Protein backbone atom coordinates (compact mmCIF):
# COMPACT_ATOMS: atom_id res chain seq x y z
CA MET A 1 -3.86 -89.49 -70.34
CA LYS A 2 -7.04 -87.67 -69.92
CA LYS A 3 -8.86 -90.67 -68.22
CA VAL A 4 -5.80 -90.98 -66.14
CA LEU A 5 -5.97 -87.45 -64.75
CA THR A 6 -9.64 -87.89 -64.22
CA VAL A 7 -9.05 -91.05 -62.09
CA CYS A 8 -5.67 -89.95 -60.25
CA LEU A 9 -5.97 -86.26 -60.01
CA LEU A 10 -9.56 -85.85 -60.26
CA SER A 11 -9.02 -89.53 -59.33
CA LEU A 12 -4.52 -88.20 -58.04
CA CYS A 13 -5.20 -83.78 -56.90
CA CYS A 14 -14.50 -80.33 -50.70
CA ALA A 15 -15.57 -79.64 -47.31
CA VAL A 16 -14.44 -82.12 -44.69
CA GLN A 17 -17.29 -84.66 -44.02
CA PRO A 18 -17.69 -86.41 -40.42
CA ALA A 19 -18.91 -89.88 -41.92
CA MET A 20 -16.25 -92.57 -42.20
CA ALA A 21 -16.26 -96.17 -43.47
CA GLN A 22 -14.10 -98.38 -41.56
CA SER A 23 -12.23 -97.10 -38.42
CA ASP A 24 -8.44 -97.64 -37.90
CA ALA A 25 -7.42 -95.52 -35.01
CA LYS A 26 -3.83 -94.76 -36.28
CA ALA A 27 -4.83 -94.23 -39.73
CA LYS A 28 -7.63 -91.84 -38.67
CA SER A 29 -5.29 -89.84 -36.51
CA ILE A 30 -2.89 -89.44 -39.37
CA LEU A 31 -5.66 -88.36 -41.93
CA GLU A 32 -7.22 -86.05 -39.42
CA ALA A 33 -3.89 -84.49 -38.88
CA VAL A 34 -3.42 -83.86 -42.67
CA SER A 35 -6.97 -82.34 -42.95
CA LYS A 36 -6.37 -80.17 -39.96
CA LYS A 37 -3.03 -78.82 -41.60
CA ILE A 38 -4.61 -78.25 -45.09
CA ASN A 39 -7.79 -76.48 -43.63
CA SER A 40 -5.66 -73.99 -41.71
CA LEU A 41 -4.38 -72.77 -45.13
CA LYS A 42 -5.97 -70.06 -47.27
CA SER A 43 -4.44 -71.64 -50.35
CA LEU A 44 -1.55 -73.88 -51.61
CA LYS A 45 0.54 -74.58 -54.63
CA ALA A 46 2.60 -77.78 -55.31
CA ASN A 47 4.24 -79.56 -58.24
CA PHE A 48 3.60 -83.16 -58.88
CA ALA A 49 4.74 -86.08 -61.03
CA LEU A 50 2.57 -89.00 -62.12
CA HIS A 51 4.42 -92.09 -63.22
CA LEU A 52 2.66 -94.98 -65.08
CA ALA A 53 3.80 -98.65 -65.08
CA GLY A 54 1.54 -100.61 -67.24
CA ALA A 55 -0.10 -103.99 -66.39
CA ASN A 56 2.32 -105.83 -68.62
CA GLY A 57 5.29 -104.01 -66.93
CA LYS A 58 6.61 -102.67 -70.23
CA VAL A 59 4.51 -99.31 -70.62
CA ASN A 60 6.27 -96.54 -68.68
CA GLU A 61 5.21 -93.08 -68.82
CA THR A 62 5.78 -89.86 -66.63
CA LYS A 63 3.88 -86.58 -66.64
CA LYS A 64 4.63 -83.52 -64.63
CA GLY A 65 2.56 -80.62 -63.53
CA THR A 66 1.42 -78.24 -61.06
CA PHE A 67 -1.77 -77.75 -59.09
CA PHE A 68 -3.22 -75.02 -57.23
CA LEU A 69 -5.93 -75.01 -54.35
CA LYS A 70 -7.89 -72.58 -52.85
CA GLY A 71 -10.84 -74.13 -50.71
CA PRO A 72 -12.69 -76.54 -52.83
CA LYS A 73 -11.63 -74.87 -56.13
CA TYR A 74 -8.60 -76.03 -57.99
CA HIS A 75 -6.49 -75.75 -61.05
CA VAL A 76 -4.41 -78.39 -62.34
CA VAL A 77 -1.66 -77.89 -65.12
CA ILE A 78 -0.02 -80.88 -66.81
CA GLY A 79 1.41 -80.86 -70.23
CA GLY A 80 -0.65 -79.13 -72.64
CA GLN A 81 -3.73 -79.75 -70.49
CA GLU A 82 -5.34 -77.68 -67.83
CA ILE A 83 -8.30 -78.76 -65.44
CA ILE A 84 -10.04 -75.95 -63.62
CA CYS A 85 -12.88 -76.14 -61.14
CA ASP A 86 -14.64 -73.34 -59.17
CA ASN A 87 -16.82 -75.63 -57.29
CA LYS A 88 -19.60 -75.27 -59.70
CA THR A 89 -18.18 -75.75 -63.01
CA VAL A 90 -15.17 -77.92 -64.46
CA TRP A 91 -13.21 -76.70 -67.63
CA THR A 92 -10.98 -79.19 -69.39
CA TYR A 93 -8.77 -77.13 -71.77
CA ASN A 94 -6.48 -78.77 -74.38
CA LYS A 95 -4.07 -76.45 -75.76
CA GLU A 96 -3.06 -78.62 -78.80
CA ALA A 97 -6.53 -79.22 -80.01
CA LYS A 98 -7.77 -75.59 -78.88
CA GLU A 99 -10.58 -76.89 -77.15
CA VAL A 100 -12.13 -76.32 -73.88
CA GLN A 101 -14.88 -78.80 -72.47
CA VAL A 102 -17.23 -77.42 -70.01
CA SER A 103 -19.23 -79.46 -67.63
CA ASN A 104 -21.11 -79.21 -64.14
CA TYR A 105 -19.03 -79.94 -61.06
CA ASN A 106 -20.33 -83.14 -59.63
CA PRO A 107 -18.57 -84.18 -56.33
CA SER A 108 -19.91 -87.83 -56.45
CA GLU A 109 -17.88 -88.16 -59.79
CA GLN A 110 -14.70 -86.54 -58.43
CA THR A 111 -13.57 -89.39 -56.60
CA LEU A 112 -10.19 -88.21 -55.93
CA SER A 113 -10.06 -84.59 -56.72
CA PRO A 114 -6.91 -82.44 -55.85
CA ALA A 115 -9.02 -80.83 -53.20
CA LYS A 116 -10.30 -84.28 -51.88
CA LEU A 117 -6.90 -85.80 -51.89
CA PHE A 118 -5.75 -83.37 -49.45
CA THR A 119 -8.86 -82.82 -47.20
CA ASN A 120 -11.76 -85.09 -47.71
CA PHE A 121 -10.18 -88.61 -48.96
CA TYR A 122 -11.31 -90.59 -45.86
CA ASP A 123 -15.00 -90.21 -45.85
CA LYS A 124 -17.70 -92.89 -46.03
CA GLU A 125 -16.59 -93.78 -49.68
CA TYR A 126 -13.43 -95.37 -48.38
CA ARG A 127 -11.98 -97.98 -45.76
CA TYR A 128 -8.57 -97.06 -44.45
CA LYS A 129 -5.82 -98.51 -42.53
CA TYR A 130 -2.48 -97.80 -41.27
CA MET A 131 0.46 -99.71 -43.28
CA GLY A 132 3.53 -98.72 -41.23
CA GLU A 133 6.40 -96.12 -42.07
CA ARG A 134 8.50 -95.79 -45.30
CA LYS A 135 10.76 -93.21 -46.63
CA ALA A 136 9.62 -91.18 -49.51
CA ASN A 137 11.75 -88.38 -51.30
CA GLY A 138 14.15 -88.79 -48.25
CA LYS A 139 11.45 -88.09 -45.52
CA ALA A 140 9.98 -90.48 -42.92
CA CYS A 141 6.46 -91.03 -43.95
CA ASN A 142 3.38 -92.84 -42.46
CA VAL A 143 1.59 -94.94 -44.97
CA VAL A 144 -2.06 -95.05 -45.03
CA GLU A 145 -4.14 -97.28 -47.52
CA LEU A 146 -7.51 -96.45 -48.62
CA THR A 147 -9.94 -99.10 -50.62
CA PRO A 148 -13.16 -97.69 -52.12
CA THR A 149 -16.37 -99.31 -50.69
CA ASN A 150 -18.03 -98.78 -54.24
CA ASN A 151 -16.94 -101.50 -56.38
CA SER A 152 -17.67 -99.38 -59.54
CA LYS A 153 -14.56 -97.15 -58.93
CA GLN A 154 -11.82 -97.68 -61.54
CA PHE A 155 -9.18 -98.22 -58.99
CA SER A 156 -8.78 -100.83 -56.36
CA LYS A 157 -6.74 -99.15 -53.74
CA VAL A 158 -4.89 -95.83 -53.08
CA GLU A 159 -1.71 -95.40 -50.89
CA LEU A 160 -0.95 -92.20 -49.28
CA MET A 161 2.58 -91.19 -48.09
CA VAL A 162 2.23 -88.70 -45.32
CA ASP A 163 5.23 -86.69 -44.07
CA LYS A 164 5.60 -87.32 -40.39
CA THR A 165 6.81 -83.81 -39.78
CA SER A 166 4.66 -81.57 -41.79
CA ASN A 167 1.57 -83.75 -41.95
CA THR A 168 1.35 -83.37 -45.72
CA ILE A 169 1.00 -85.78 -48.46
CA VAL A 170 4.31 -86.18 -50.29
CA GLY A 171 3.34 -89.16 -52.47
CA GLY A 172 1.71 -92.56 -52.97
CA ASN A 173 0.44 -95.19 -55.34
CA ILE A 174 -2.95 -95.83 -57.19
CA TRP A 175 -3.69 -99.33 -58.37
CA GLN A 176 -6.25 -99.41 -61.21
CA LYS A 177 -8.49 -102.52 -61.89
CA ASN A 178 -7.04 -102.82 -65.27
CA GLY A 179 -3.61 -103.65 -63.86
CA ASN A 180 -1.86 -100.35 -64.46
CA LYS A 181 -0.16 -98.81 -61.36
CA TYR A 182 0.46 -95.07 -60.77
CA GLN A 183 2.84 -93.70 -58.52
CA TYR A 184 2.69 -89.88 -57.83
CA ASP A 185 5.17 -87.73 -56.14
CA ILE A 186 4.25 -84.22 -54.56
CA SER A 187 7.00 -81.50 -54.07
CA ASN A 188 7.44 -77.94 -53.64
CA PHE A 189 4.65 -77.60 -51.34
CA SER A 190 3.87 -73.81 -51.12
CA PRO A 191 1.25 -73.01 -48.28
CA ASN A 192 -0.71 -69.83 -48.53
CA ALA A 193 0.47 -69.09 -52.08
CA ASN A 194 -0.97 -65.88 -53.45
CA ILE A 195 -3.42 -67.05 -56.22
CA PRO A 196 -6.19 -64.87 -57.45
CA ASP A 197 -9.81 -66.25 -57.57
CA THR A 198 -9.90 -65.62 -61.36
CA TYR A 199 -7.32 -68.44 -61.66
CA PHE A 200 -10.26 -71.05 -60.94
CA SER A 201 -12.33 -70.14 -63.91
CA PHE A 202 -11.62 -70.39 -67.61
CA ASP A 203 -11.83 -67.02 -69.55
CA SER A 204 -12.68 -67.54 -73.14
CA LYS A 205 -12.10 -64.03 -74.09
CA ALA A 206 -8.49 -64.38 -73.02
CA HIS A 207 -8.24 -67.56 -75.26
CA PRO A 208 -9.35 -66.21 -78.65
CA GLY A 209 -9.93 -69.34 -81.35
CA VAL A 210 -10.43 -71.85 -78.63
CA GLU A 211 -13.68 -73.86 -79.37
CA VAL A 212 -16.15 -74.24 -76.16
CA VAL A 213 -17.66 -77.62 -75.96
CA ASP A 214 -20.43 -77.04 -73.47
CA LEU A 215 -21.41 -80.73 -72.07
CA ARG A 216 -23.92 -79.17 -69.44
């Protein structure tokens, strides 16, 4: 599941870059509306559910969690794991193992971080096209499909479901090259949530007994 989080949340949950890969006017207008909406917020909090359908159709798993965004900073809580990023350092905290791994933040590796998922998912790394309208969680949504220009990515395409009324992402699908498919749902969207800056870094003193594995 750790790799799944990296691909789906850190590959799910950056400053907006103007360079884009393949132009689709309808898709572009939808994505720009999402970026405009999110960039107008100081912060946000939302719940999510990640559903796995295995390549053989028999393996099913659901993980639920919460993510917090404040500019390029994010904090993801899912099960017994937390992924925290202050735009310089990434902490991956496993409560059960009492271990936190520390690594440098590398935007080029965070292919679909929570921040990028909401604000910078249509830059030069992806082609995008409009796929029509569909209902998601009872809401009328525009569907946009993204395909990576880099064949080394672990996924072949990503589908975004954008609420037509609020211009926010409410869910979608991610297809991995190994045949797995992940469906994600986003709910309880709370704009301008009161989140302290300290929530976007890991405090070792507040977690006595946790082993720190520094990978930097």
